[in-house]
Amino acid sequence: MTLLANRGMAKSMPDLASSPGGLSYGSPGGVSQGQHTGKGAHVTIAGGLSEAESTWPLQPIETPHQKLQRSLVEHHTRRGGGPREQTMSPPQRLRGSRSTEILHSSLEEPLSSYKSLEPVRPRWPTYWRRFHLNDGIRVKDQDTVLVEARDQHVKTKKGLLRDSSGFVTYSETHRRKAEIDVMFLAQILNGGIPGGGHAWTPRKLERIFKERTGRRGTWVEYEVPIKHFISLFPKTFEQFGPDMQFVRLRHMLRPQVMDSTEDAMARLACARERGFVEQHPHIEGTVGLHNEELIEIFQAFDEGHPGVPSLNELNSSLRAKTPNLPELRNNRMKVAFKAHKPQTR
């Protein structure tokens, strides 16, 4: 501490609210009680500098605590004031810092260096074995779930086949939080509208949720707009009106969660990758509702305009076009999407 004091650094952690910039002065006015003996007298500043010598700009001395706060503001900015969510699970983060066995509530057994950590695959119940000849002893991380995206419908001779374009990984803790909040939202929508009105709005629904539960919703904690959070559950909620500004229950006699929350997490993971929420699996070769460009292309085909794109370009643009929303790409919900690797022959 003597070395820090000789360098001029503060010996105690400063109050960031009362001393912006990290400056500490000897008196409230910033000037010590010097002697004013005449017209040419020098005023002594705290630190032993005269008025003539203090014309150079003061360099603020930044403490380690202030450096940490500044780095959090610059690199991990969010509305809640804290750092962004950790992408890795706690057992994965502890593997790099622990030499002993790792004990955590999401692990069925202690995790050591000779054991491999794997996510839970609920759709493959017979795939996992505790002991594998090549992988050794395998430990499941109950908080990390890996499932198929199931975001496509492929036409076959016998009907539509639900397929996946990749894998989705999500946190089981975040899924349970979202499921509890959706249950409360469904119960609130089943009651009367406070203050009158013909339909609920997402903003009014968010306000009543906070008044009745005493807490903010999962969508606020993890920075997902409530309008898009509701669209993750198309079997439970129905949005209508211009720009989807109203919301109601799809089945008024069943105020409960009708959607699979696993599918909702998969939709949010795909929305992080694509920038929009796709409520239903996409059918290859069909045109969506929000593709005005295709309507103009079809009119150009009928009228025989020059410069009409080829059929290959038209086939690549058959997917519904929706606006790219950065709010869905930058949310803090622990969901991720990884596309399948293209098969090479």
Foldseek 3Di string as FASTA:
>chain_A
DVVCVVVVADPDDDDCVVDPLQDDFPDPVQFDPDDCPDDPDWTAGPPGDTPVRPPDDDHHDADPVNVVLVCCCPPANDPVSGRFDDLDDVVVVCVVPDQDWDDDPQWPDTDHPLEAEDEAEVVCVPPDDQADPPRGGYIYRNQKYKYFLQQAWEQDPVGTDGDGQFMKIATPVLLVQLQVLLLVLLVVLLDDQPPDDDFAFQVSSQVVSCVVPVDGGSCVVFQNDSQQSVLLQVQAKDFDDVVSGGIHGPDSVDSHRPDDSVNSLSQLQVCLVQQHGDNHRYYQPAADDACPVVVVLVVCVVVVPPPRDDPVVVSVPRYYDDDRHVSSNPTRGNMHTDGDDDDDD
